[in-house]
């Protein structure tokens, strides 16, 4: 029997636009005709320092072609925009799940802040060894090169990571993005 439900979680630092992106992704799937259940997970601490586990914001969506009653339990797909987001959500990921990360955010400084290894046990290398399907996109670098000719500030360019990821997820699930375009 074909799988009828898929559970997706988007996670990042508070302020990364995860709630907006998750809502838009749910809306796109609903407009497509899928059944959708969502759960917004806000950080416990207001204005937590970036890159900390208590500042992680997340949005979970379960999508199905049959009735969906909950936002799901174990994740089939995880989008993590930071090492802290990956650290907080890894316990919810199914074996062999697809994990998409912003490779540019996995710097030695960011990993050391969380007490994670930076050597051969680097979290991204460990994911590959554990059998997860890892897509480590250099999202920040791609956006900077895409907008390098524009007169936008780096901070403003990097604030569009969430919609870049929305495009990646829409492409992955073959969904039209026209409902989110201005």
N, C-alpha and C. Protein backbone atom coordinates (compact mmCIF):
# COMPACT_ATOMS: atom_id res chain seq x y z
N UNK A 1 0.85 -1.19 0.00
CA UNK A 1 0.00 0.00 0.00
C UNK A 1 0.89 1.25 0.00
N UNK A 2 0.56 2.21 -0.81
CA UNK A 2 1.34 3.44 -0.91
C UNK A 2 1.19 4.27 0.36
N UNK A 3 2.24 4.97 0.72
CA UNK A 3 2.21 5.83 1.89
C UNK A 3 1.30 7.01 1.62
N UNK A 4 0.40 7.27 2.55
CA UNK A 4 -0.56 8.35 2.34
C UNK A 4 -0.31 9.56 3.22
N UNK A 5 0.61 9.46 4.17
CA UNK A 5 0.91 10.57 5.06
C UNK A 5 2.40 10.86 5.08
N UNK A 6 2.74 12.13 5.17
CA UNK A 6 4.13 12.53 5.31
C UNK A 6 4.19 13.65 6.35
N UNK A 7 5.18 13.56 7.23
CA UNK A 7 5.33 14.55 8.29
C UNK A 7 6.61 15.33 8.05
N UNK A 8 6.45 16.66 8.04
CA UNK A 8 7.55 17.58 7.75
C UNK A 8 7.70 18.54 8.92
N UNK A 9 8.93 18.82 9.31
CA UNK A 9 9.17 19.85 10.32
C UNK A 9 10.20 20.82 9.80
N UNK A 10 9.91 22.11 9.95
CA UNK A 10 10.84 23.18 9.64
C UNK A 10 11.30 23.73 10.98
N UNK A 11 12.60 23.93 11.15
CA UNK A 11 13.12 24.43 12.42
C UNK A 11 14.29 25.37 12.17
N UNK A 12 14.37 26.39 12.99
CA UNK A 12 15.46 27.36 12.89
C UNK A 12 15.47 28.24 14.11
N UNK A 13 16.33 29.21 14.10
CA UNK A 13 16.39 30.16 15.20
C UNK A 13 15.15 31.03 15.18
N UNK A 14 14.75 31.49 16.35
CA UNK A 14 13.66 32.44 16.43
C UNK A 14 14.02 33.65 15.57
N UNK A 15 13.12 34.07 14.74
CA UNK A 15 13.38 35.19 13.83
C UNK A 15 13.75 34.75 12.43
N UNK A 16 13.90 33.44 12.19
CA UNK A 16 14.23 32.94 10.85
C UNK A 16 13.01 32.87 9.92
N UNK A 17 11.84 33.15 10.44
CA UNK A 17 10.64 33.11 9.61
C UNK A 17 10.07 31.71 9.44
N UNK A 18 10.34 30.84 10.39
CA UNK A 18 9.89 29.45 10.30
C UNK A 18 8.37 29.36 10.34
N UNK A 19 7.72 30.13 11.22
CA UNK A 19 6.26 30.06 11.34
C UNK A 19 5.58 30.48 10.03
N UNK A 20 6.06 31.55 9.44
CA UNK A 20 5.50 32.02 8.18
C UNK A 20 5.72 31.00 7.07
N UNK A 21 6.90 30.45 7.00
CA UNK A 21 7.23 29.47 5.96
C UNK A 21 6.39 28.21 6.12
N UNK A 22 6.27 27.73 7.35
CA UNK A 22 5.45 26.54 7.60
C UNK A 22 4.00 26.77 7.24
N UNK A 23 3.48 27.94 7.61
CA UNK A 23 2.10 28.27 7.27
C UNK A 23 1.91 28.31 5.75
N UNK A 24 2.85 28.92 5.05
CA UNK A 24 2.76 28.98 3.59
C UNK A 24 2.84 27.59 2.96
N UNK A 25 3.72 26.74 3.47
CA UNK A 25 3.84 25.38 2.94
C UNK A 25 2.53 24.61 3.16
N UNK A 26 1.95 24.76 4.34
CA UNK A 26 0.66 24.10 4.62
C UNK A 26 -0.42 24.62 3.67
N UNK A 27 -0.43 25.93 3.45
CA UNK A 27 -1.42 26.53 2.56
C UNK A 27 -1.26 26.01 1.13
N UNK A 28 -0.04 25.91 0.66
CA UNK A 28 0.22 25.41 -0.70
C UNK A 28 -0.32 23.99 -0.85
N UNK A 29 -0.06 23.15 0.14
CA UNK A 29 -0.54 21.77 0.07
C UNK A 29 -2.06 21.71 0.18
N UNK A 30 -2.65 22.55 1.01
CA UNK A 30 -4.12 22.58 1.13
C UNK A 30 -4.75 23.03 -0.18
N UNK A 31 -4.19 24.04 -0.82
CA UNK A 31 -4.71 24.50 -2.11
C UNK A 31 -4.58 23.44 -3.19
N UNK A 32 -3.58 22.59 -3.05
CA UNK A 32 -3.37 21.48 -3.97
C UNK A 32 -4.45 20.41 -3.78
N UNK A 33 -5.09 20.41 -2.61
CA UNK A 33 -6.14 19.44 -2.33
C UNK A 33 -5.75 18.40 -1.29
N UNK A 34 -4.58 18.55 -0.70
CA UNK A 34 -4.14 17.61 0.34
C UNK A 34 -4.81 17.94 1.67
N UNK A 35 -4.92 16.93 2.51
CA UNK A 35 -5.35 17.14 3.89
C UNK A 35 -4.12 17.58 4.67
N UNK A 36 -4.31 18.51 5.60
CA UNK A 36 -3.17 19.09 6.33
C UNK A 36 -3.52 19.28 7.80
N UNK A 37 -2.59 18.95 8.68
CA UNK A 37 -2.68 19.30 10.10
C UNK A 37 -1.34 19.92 10.49
N UNK A 38 -1.37 20.98 11.29
CA UNK A 38 -0.15 21.70 11.62
C UNK A 38 0.00 21.90 13.12
N UNK A 39 1.23 22.18 13.51
CA UNK A 39 1.53 22.55 14.90
C UNK A 39 2.69 23.54 14.90
N UNK A 40 2.44 24.72 15.43
CA UNK A 40 3.49 25.73 15.57
C UNK A 40 4.16 25.55 16.93
N UNK A 41 5.48 25.54 16.94
CA UNK A 41 6.24 25.33 18.16
C UNK A 41 7.13 26.55 18.37
N UNK A 42 6.71 27.42 19.27
CA UNK A 42 7.45 28.64 19.54
C UNK A 42 8.50 28.40 20.61
N UNK A 43 9.60 29.16 20.57
CA UNK A 43 10.64 28.97 21.59
C UNK A 43 10.14 29.35 22.98
N UNK A 44 10.71 28.69 23.98
CA UNK A 44 10.30 28.95 25.36
C UNK A 44 10.75 30.32 25.84
N UNK A 45 11.85 30.79 25.31
CA UNK A 45 12.40 32.05 25.78
C UNK A 45 12.25 33.13 24.71
N UNK A 46 11.70 34.24 25.08
CA UNK A 46 11.55 35.36 24.16
C UNK A 46 12.92 36.00 23.96
N UNK A 47 13.28 36.23 22.70
CA UNK A 47 14.56 36.84 22.35
C UNK A 47 15.77 36.05 22.86
N UNK A 48 15.68 34.74 22.74
CA UNK A 48 16.82 33.90 23.12
C UNK A 48 17.98 34.20 22.18
N UNK A 49 19.20 34.06 22.65
CA UNK A 49 20.35 34.30 21.78
C UNK A 49 20.34 33.35 20.57
N UNK A 50 20.68 33.88 19.40
CA UNK A 50 20.72 33.06 18.19
C UNK A 50 21.68 31.89 18.39
N UNK A 51 21.29 30.75 17.82
CA UNK A 51 22.15 29.59 17.87
C UNK A 51 22.05 28.78 19.14
N UNK A 52 21.11 29.12 20.02
CA UNK A 52 20.93 28.36 21.26
C UNK A 52 19.71 27.46 21.13
N UNK A 53 19.72 26.36 21.85
CA UNK A 53 18.62 25.40 21.75
C UNK A 53 17.31 25.95 22.29
N UNK A 54 17.36 26.84 23.27
CA UNK A 54 16.11 27.38 23.81
C UNK A 54 15.56 28.52 22.97
N UNK A 55 16.19 28.82 21.85
CA UNK A 55 15.68 29.82 20.93
C UNK A 55 15.18 29.22 19.63
N UNK A 56 15.02 27.89 19.58
CA UNK A 56 14.60 27.22 18.34
C UNK A 56 13.09 27.35 18.16
N UNK A 57 12.71 27.75 16.98
CA UNK A 57 11.31 27.86 16.56
C UNK A 57 11.07 26.77 15.53
N UNK A 58 9.88 26.16 15.57
CA UNK A 58 9.61 25.07 14.62
C UNK A 58 8.14 25.08 14.19
N UNK A 59 7.90 24.44 13.07
CA UNK A 59 6.54 24.32 12.53
C UNK A 59 6.44 22.93 11.91
N UNK A 60 5.49 22.15 12.39
CA UNK A 60 5.34 20.77 11.92
C UNK A 60 4.04 20.64 11.13
N UNK A 61 4.11 19.89 10.04
CA UNK A 61 2.97 19.70 9.15
C UNK A 61 2.86 18.22 8.82
N UNK A 62 1.65 17.69 8.92
CA UNK A 62 1.41 16.36 8.38
C UNK A 62 0.48 16.54 7.19
N UNK A 63 0.88 15.96 6.08
CA UNK A 63 0.16 16.11 4.81
C UNK A 63 -0.27 14.73 4.36
N UNK A 64 -1.48 14.64 3.86
CA UNK A 64 -1.95 13.34 3.40
C UNK A 64 -2.98 13.45 2.28
N UNK A 65 -3.16 12.33 1.61
CA UNK A 65 -4.21 12.26 0.60
C UNK A 65 -5.48 11.64 1.20
N UNK A 66 -5.40 11.26 2.48
CA UNK A 66 -6.57 10.82 3.23
C UNK A 66 -6.70 11.74 4.44
N UNK A 67 -7.68 11.55 5.26
CA UNK A 67 -7.91 12.41 6.42
C UNK A 67 -6.67 12.46 7.31
N UNK A 68 -6.36 13.64 7.76
CA UNK A 68 -5.24 13.88 8.66
C UNK A 68 -5.80 14.46 9.95
N UNK A 69 -5.47 13.84 11.07
CA UNK A 69 -6.03 14.27 12.35
C UNK A 69 -5.02 14.93 13.27
N UNK A 70 -3.73 14.69 13.05
CA UNK A 70 -2.69 15.24 13.93
C UNK A 70 -1.54 15.77 13.07
N UNK A 71 -0.67 16.59 13.66
CA UNK A 71 0.50 17.04 12.90
C UNK A 71 1.59 15.97 12.80
N UNK A 72 1.33 14.77 13.29
CA UNK A 72 2.28 13.68 13.15
C UNK A 72 3.18 13.51 14.34
N UNK A 73 3.85 12.36 14.36
CA UNK A 73 4.77 12.04 15.45
C UNK A 73 6.21 12.06 14.94
N UNK A 74 6.60 11.03 14.26
CA UNK A 74 7.97 10.93 13.73
C UNK A 74 8.07 11.63 12.38
N UNK A 75 9.20 12.27 12.15
CA UNK A 75 9.39 13.10 10.96
C UNK A 75 9.93 12.31 9.78
N UNK A 76 9.32 12.52 8.62
CA UNK A 76 9.83 11.98 7.37
C UNK A 76 10.83 12.94 6.74
N UNK A 77 10.59 14.25 6.97
CA UNK A 77 11.44 15.31 6.41
C UNK A 77 11.70 16.34 7.50
N UNK A 78 12.96 16.73 7.66
CA UNK A 78 13.33 17.80 8.58
C UNK A 78 14.14 18.83 7.82
N UNK A 79 13.73 20.08 7.94
CA UNK A 79 14.50 21.20 7.42
C UNK A 79 15.05 21.93 8.64
N UNK A 80 16.36 21.95 8.81
CA UNK A 80 17.00 22.60 9.96
C UNK A 80 17.93 23.70 9.46
N UNK A 81 17.63 24.93 9.86
CA UNK A 81 18.43 26.06 9.41
C UNK A 81 19.62 26.37 10.31
N UNK A 82 19.78 25.62 11.40
CA UNK A 82 20.91 25.86 12.30
C UNK A 82 21.26 24.58 13.04
N UNK A 83 22.47 24.50 13.57
CA UNK A 83 22.84 23.33 14.38
C UNK A 83 21.93 23.17 15.60
N UNK A 84 21.51 24.28 16.20
CA UNK A 84 20.61 24.20 17.36
C UNK A 84 19.27 23.58 16.95
N UNK A 85 18.76 23.95 15.79
CA UNK A 85 17.50 23.39 15.31
C UNK A 85 17.63 21.90 15.06
N UNK A 86 18.76 21.49 14.49
CA UNK A 86 18.99 20.06 14.26
C UNK A 86 19.09 19.32 15.58
N UNK A 87 19.82 19.89 16.52
CA UNK A 87 20.02 19.26 17.83
C UNK A 87 18.69 19.06 18.57
N UNK A 88 17.82 20.05 18.53
CA UNK A 88 16.55 19.99 19.24
C UNK A 88 15.59 18.98 18.61
N UNK A 89 15.62 18.82 17.30
CA UNK A 89 14.61 18.02 16.61
C UNK A 89 15.03 16.61 16.22
N UNK A 90 16.31 16.27 16.34
CA UNK A 90 16.79 14.96 15.87
C UNK A 90 16.08 13.77 16.52
N UNK A 91 15.64 13.90 17.74
CA UNK A 91 14.96 12.81 18.42
C UNK A 91 13.61 12.47 17.82
N UNK A 92 13.10 13.33 16.94
CA UNK A 92 11.79 13.12 16.34
C UNK A 92 11.87 12.54 14.93
N UNK A 93 13.08 12.36 14.41
CA UNK A 93 13.27 11.98 13.01
C UNK A 93 13.26 10.46 12.85
N UNK A 94 12.52 9.97 11.85
CA UNK A 94 12.49 8.54 11.54
C UNK A 94 13.84 8.09 10.98
N UNK A 95 14.14 6.82 11.14
CA UNK A 95 15.32 6.25 10.51
C UNK A 95 15.20 6.42 9.00
N UNK A 96 16.29 6.85 8.36
CA UNK A 96 16.30 7.00 6.92
C UNK A 96 15.59 8.23 6.40
N UNK A 97 15.16 9.12 7.28
CA UNK A 97 14.42 10.32 6.87
C UNK A 97 15.30 11.26 6.05
N UNK A 98 14.65 12.18 5.35
CA UNK A 98 15.33 13.22 4.59
C UNK A 98 15.59 14.40 5.51
N UNK A 99 16.83 14.84 5.60
CA UNK A 99 17.20 15.99 6.42
C UNK A 99 17.86 17.02 5.52
N UNK A 100 17.30 18.22 5.51
CA UNK A 100 17.84 19.33 4.72
C UNK A 100 18.39 20.36 5.70
N UNK A 101 19.64 20.77 5.51
CA UNK A 101 20.25 21.75 6.40
C UNK A 101 20.90 22.87 5.60
N UNK A 102 21.03 24.02 6.27
CA UNK A 102 21.84 25.11 5.73
C UNK A 102 23.28 24.84 6.16
N UNK A 103 24.03 24.25 5.27
CA UNK A 103 25.42 23.85 5.56
C UNK A 103 26.24 25.04 6.06
N UNK A 104 25.93 26.23 5.58
CA UNK A 104 26.70 27.42 5.97
C UNK A 104 26.56 27.77 7.45
N UNK A 105 25.49 27.31 8.09
CA UNK A 105 25.31 27.63 9.51
C UNK A 105 26.06 26.67 10.43
N UNK A 106 26.62 25.60 9.88
CA UNK A 106 27.33 24.61 10.69
C UNK A 106 28.81 24.95 10.80
N UNK A 107 29.07 26.14 11.31
CA UNK A 107 30.45 26.60 11.51
C UNK A 107 31.00 26.00 12.81
N UNK A 108 32.31 26.01 12.94
CA UNK A 108 32.93 25.52 14.17
C UNK A 108 32.43 26.30 15.38
N UNK A 109 32.29 27.62 15.25
CA UNK A 109 31.81 28.45 16.37
C UNK A 109 30.41 28.04 16.79
N UNK A 110 29.52 27.84 15.80
CA UNK A 110 28.14 27.47 16.12
C UNK A 110 28.07 26.10 16.79
N UNK A 111 28.89 25.17 16.33
CA UNK A 111 28.91 23.83 16.91
C UNK A 111 29.49 23.85 18.32
N UNK A 112 30.57 24.62 18.52
CA UNK A 112 31.19 24.71 19.83
C UNK A 112 30.25 25.36 20.85
N UNK A 113 29.44 26.31 20.40
CA UNK A 113 28.47 26.97 21.27
C UNK A 113 27.50 25.95 21.88
N UNK A 114 27.21 24.90 21.11
CA UNK A 114 26.28 23.85 21.54
C UNK A 114 27.00 22.65 22.15
N UNK A 115 28.32 22.68 22.17
CA UNK A 115 29.09 21.56 22.70
C UNK A 115 29.12 20.37 21.74
N UNK A 116 28.95 20.63 20.45
CA UNK A 116 28.96 19.57 19.44
C UNK A 116 30.35 19.44 18.83
N UNK A 117 30.70 18.25 18.36
CA UNK A 117 32.05 18.04 17.80
C UNK A 117 32.24 18.74 16.45
N UNK A 118 33.48 19.14 16.20
CA UNK A 118 33.82 19.80 14.94
C UNK A 118 34.78 18.96 14.11
N UNK A 119 35.10 17.77 14.57
CA UNK A 119 36.08 16.92 13.89
C UNK A 119 35.39 15.84 13.06
N UNK A 120 35.91 14.63 13.10
CA UNK A 120 35.34 13.52 12.34
C UNK A 120 33.94 13.13 12.81
N UNK A 121 33.54 13.58 13.99
CA UNK A 121 32.20 13.32 14.51
C UNK A 121 31.26 14.50 14.28
N UNK A 122 31.64 15.37 13.35
CA UNK A 122 30.81 16.52 12.97
C UNK A 122 29.37 16.03 12.74
N UNK A 123 28.37 16.77 13.22
CA UNK A 123 26.98 16.31 13.10
C UNK A 123 26.55 15.94 11.68
N UNK A 124 27.01 16.66 10.67
CA UNK A 124 26.60 16.34 9.30
C UNK A 124 27.23 15.05 8.81
N UNK A 125 28.48 14.80 9.20
CA UNK A 125 29.12 13.53 8.85
C UNK A 125 28.43 12.38 9.58
N UNK A 126 28.05 12.61 10.82
CA UNK A 126 27.37 11.58 11.60
C UNK A 126 26.02 11.22 10.99
N UNK A 127 25.31 12.19 10.46
CA UNK A 127 24.01 11.92 9.83
C UNK A 127 24.17 10.97 8.64
N UNK A 128 25.18 11.21 7.83
CA UNK A 128 25.45 10.32 6.69
C UNK A 128 25.75 8.91 7.16
N UNK A 129 26.57 8.79 8.19
CA UNK A 129 26.93 7.45 8.70
C UNK A 129 25.73 6.73 9.31
N UNK A 130 24.78 7.49 9.82
CA UNK A 130 23.61 6.89 10.48
C UNK A 130 22.51 6.53 9.50
N UNK A 131 22.71 6.77 8.20
CA UNK A 131 21.76 6.33 7.20
C UNK A 131 20.65 7.32 6.85
N UNK A 132 20.78 8.55 7.30
CA UNK A 132 19.79 9.57 6.91
C UNK A 132 20.11 10.06 5.50
N UNK A 133 19.10 10.53 4.81
CA UNK A 133 19.29 11.14 3.50
C UNK A 133 19.56 12.63 3.74
N UNK A 134 20.78 13.04 3.61
CA UNK A 134 21.17 14.41 3.94
C UNK A 134 21.32 15.25 2.68
N UNK A 135 20.67 16.40 2.70
CA UNK A 135 20.89 17.42 1.67
C UNK A 135 21.43 18.63 2.41
N UNK A 136 22.73 18.87 2.26
CA UNK A 136 23.36 20.00 2.95
C UNK A 136 23.62 21.11 1.94
N UNK A 137 22.66 21.99 1.85
CA UNK A 137 22.71 23.10 0.90
C UNK A 137 23.45 24.29 1.50
N UNK A 138 24.29 24.94 0.71
CA UNK A 138 24.92 26.18 1.19
C UNK A 138 23.96 27.35 0.96
N UNK A 139 22.88 27.37 1.70
CA UNK A 139 21.78 28.31 1.46
C UNK A 139 22.25 29.76 1.58
N UNK A 140 22.95 30.08 2.64
CA UNK A 140 23.41 31.46 2.82
C UNK A 140 24.32 31.89 1.67
N UNK A 141 25.23 31.03 1.30
CA UNK A 141 26.17 31.32 0.20
C UNK A 141 25.41 31.50 -1.12
N UNK A 142 24.43 30.64 -1.39
CA UNK A 142 23.65 30.74 -2.62
C UNK A 142 22.90 32.06 -2.69
N UNK A 143 22.29 32.45 -1.57
CA UNK A 143 21.55 33.72 -1.55
C UNK A 143 22.48 34.91 -1.73
N UNK A 144 23.64 34.87 -1.09
CA UNK A 144 24.59 35.98 -1.22
C UNK A 144 25.06 36.12 -2.66
N UNK A 145 25.33 35.00 -3.33
CA UNK A 145 25.78 35.08 -4.72
C UNK A 145 24.63 35.48 -5.65
N UNK A 146 23.43 35.07 -5.32
CA UNK A 146 22.28 35.42 -6.14
C UNK A 146 22.00 36.92 -6.12
N UNK A 147 22.17 37.52 -4.95
CA UNK A 147 21.87 38.94 -4.78
C UNK A 147 23.12 39.81 -4.69
N UNK A 148 24.27 39.31 -5.11
CA UNK A 148 25.52 40.05 -4.97
C UNK A 148 25.53 41.35 -5.78
N UNK A 149 24.79 41.40 -6.85
CA UNK A 149 24.76 42.61 -7.68
C UNK A 149 23.78 43.65 -7.15
N UNK A 150 22.87 43.23 -6.28
CA UNK A 150 21.88 44.16 -5.72
C UNK A 150 22.50 44.96 -4.59
N UNK A 151 21.82 46.01 -4.20
CA UNK A 151 22.34 46.87 -3.14
C UNK A 151 21.67 46.56 -1.79
N UNK A 152 21.39 45.29 -1.57
CA UNK A 152 20.79 44.87 -0.31
C UNK A 152 21.89 44.61 0.72
N UNK A 153 21.54 44.82 1.97
CA UNK A 153 22.46 44.50 3.05
C UNK A 153 22.48 42.99 3.25
N UNK A 154 23.62 42.48 3.71
CA UNK A 154 23.77 41.04 3.95
C UNK A 154 22.66 40.52 4.87
N UNK A 155 22.36 41.25 5.92
CA UNK A 155 21.32 40.84 6.87
C UNK A 155 19.98 40.68 6.16
N UNK A 156 19.65 41.61 5.28
CA UNK A 156 18.37 41.55 4.55
C UNK A 156 18.33 40.36 3.60
N UNK A 157 19.45 40.09 2.95
CA UNK A 157 19.52 38.96 2.03
C UNK A 157 19.33 37.65 2.78
N UNK A 158 19.99 37.51 3.92
CA UNK A 158 19.92 36.27 4.67
C UNK A 158 18.55 36.06 5.34
N UNK A 159 17.77 37.13 5.46
CA UNK A 159 16.42 36.98 6.01
C UNK A 159 15.48 36.30 5.01
N UNK A 160 15.92 36.09 3.80
CA UNK A 160 15.08 35.41 2.82
C UNK A 160 15.37 33.91 2.75
N UNK A 161 16.19 33.39 3.68
CA UNK A 161 16.49 31.95 3.71
C UNK A 161 15.21 31.13 3.80
N UNK A 162 14.25 31.62 4.59
CA UNK A 162 13.02 30.85 4.78
C UNK A 162 12.26 30.66 3.46
N UNK A 163 12.20 31.68 2.63
CA UNK A 163 11.46 31.52 1.37
C UNK A 163 12.26 30.76 0.33
N UNK A 164 13.57 30.81 0.41
CA UNK A 164 14.39 29.94 -0.42
C UNK A 164 14.05 28.48 -0.08
N UNK A 165 13.98 28.20 1.21
CA UNK A 165 13.66 26.84 1.66
C UNK A 165 12.24 26.44 1.28
N UNK A 166 11.32 27.38 1.31
CA UNK A 166 9.96 27.10 0.85
C UNK A 166 9.99 26.66 -0.61
N UNK A 167 10.78 27.34 -1.42
CA UNK A 167 10.92 26.96 -2.82
C UNK A 167 11.51 25.57 -2.98
N UNK A 168 12.51 25.25 -2.17
CA UNK A 168 13.13 23.92 -2.22
C UNK A 168 12.10 22.84 -1.87
N UNK A 169 11.32 23.08 -0.81
CA UNK A 169 10.32 22.10 -0.40
C UNK A 169 9.19 21.96 -1.43
N UNK A 170 8.80 23.07 -2.04
CA UNK A 170 7.78 23.00 -3.10
C UNK A 170 8.30 22.22 -4.30
N UNK A 171 9.55 22.46 -4.65
CA UNK A 171 10.16 21.71 -5.75
C UNK A 171 10.23 20.22 -5.41
N UNK A 172 10.63 19.92 -4.19
CA UNK A 172 10.78 18.54 -3.75
C UNK A 172 9.45 17.78 -3.83
N UNK A 173 8.36 18.45 -3.46
CA UNK A 173 7.05 17.81 -3.46
C UNK A 173 6.21 18.15 -4.68
N UNK A 174 6.86 18.75 -5.68
CA UNK A 174 6.20 19.09 -6.95
C UNK A 174 4.93 19.92 -6.74
N UNK A 175 5.08 21.01 -5.98
CA UNK A 175 3.97 21.92 -5.72
C UNK A 175 4.25 23.27 -6.36
N UNK A 176 3.20 23.88 -6.87
CA UNK A 176 3.28 25.17 -7.53
C UNK A 176 3.40 26.28 -6.48
N UNK A 177 4.28 27.22 -6.72
CA UNK A 177 4.50 28.31 -5.76
C UNK A 177 3.72 29.58 -6.12
N UNK A 178 2.93 29.55 -7.17
CA UNK A 178 2.26 30.78 -7.62
C UNK A 178 1.34 31.38 -6.56
N UNK A 179 0.80 30.58 -5.66
CA UNK A 179 -0.09 31.12 -4.62
C UNK A 179 0.67 31.96 -3.59
N UNK A 180 1.99 31.89 -3.57
CA UNK A 180 2.78 32.66 -2.61
C UNK A 180 3.52 33.82 -3.26
N UNK A 181 3.42 33.92 -4.57
CA UNK A 181 4.14 34.98 -5.28
C UNK A 181 3.34 36.28 -5.22
N UNK A 182 4.07 37.37 -5.21
CA UNK A 182 3.43 38.71 -5.20
C UNK A 182 3.15 39.16 -6.60
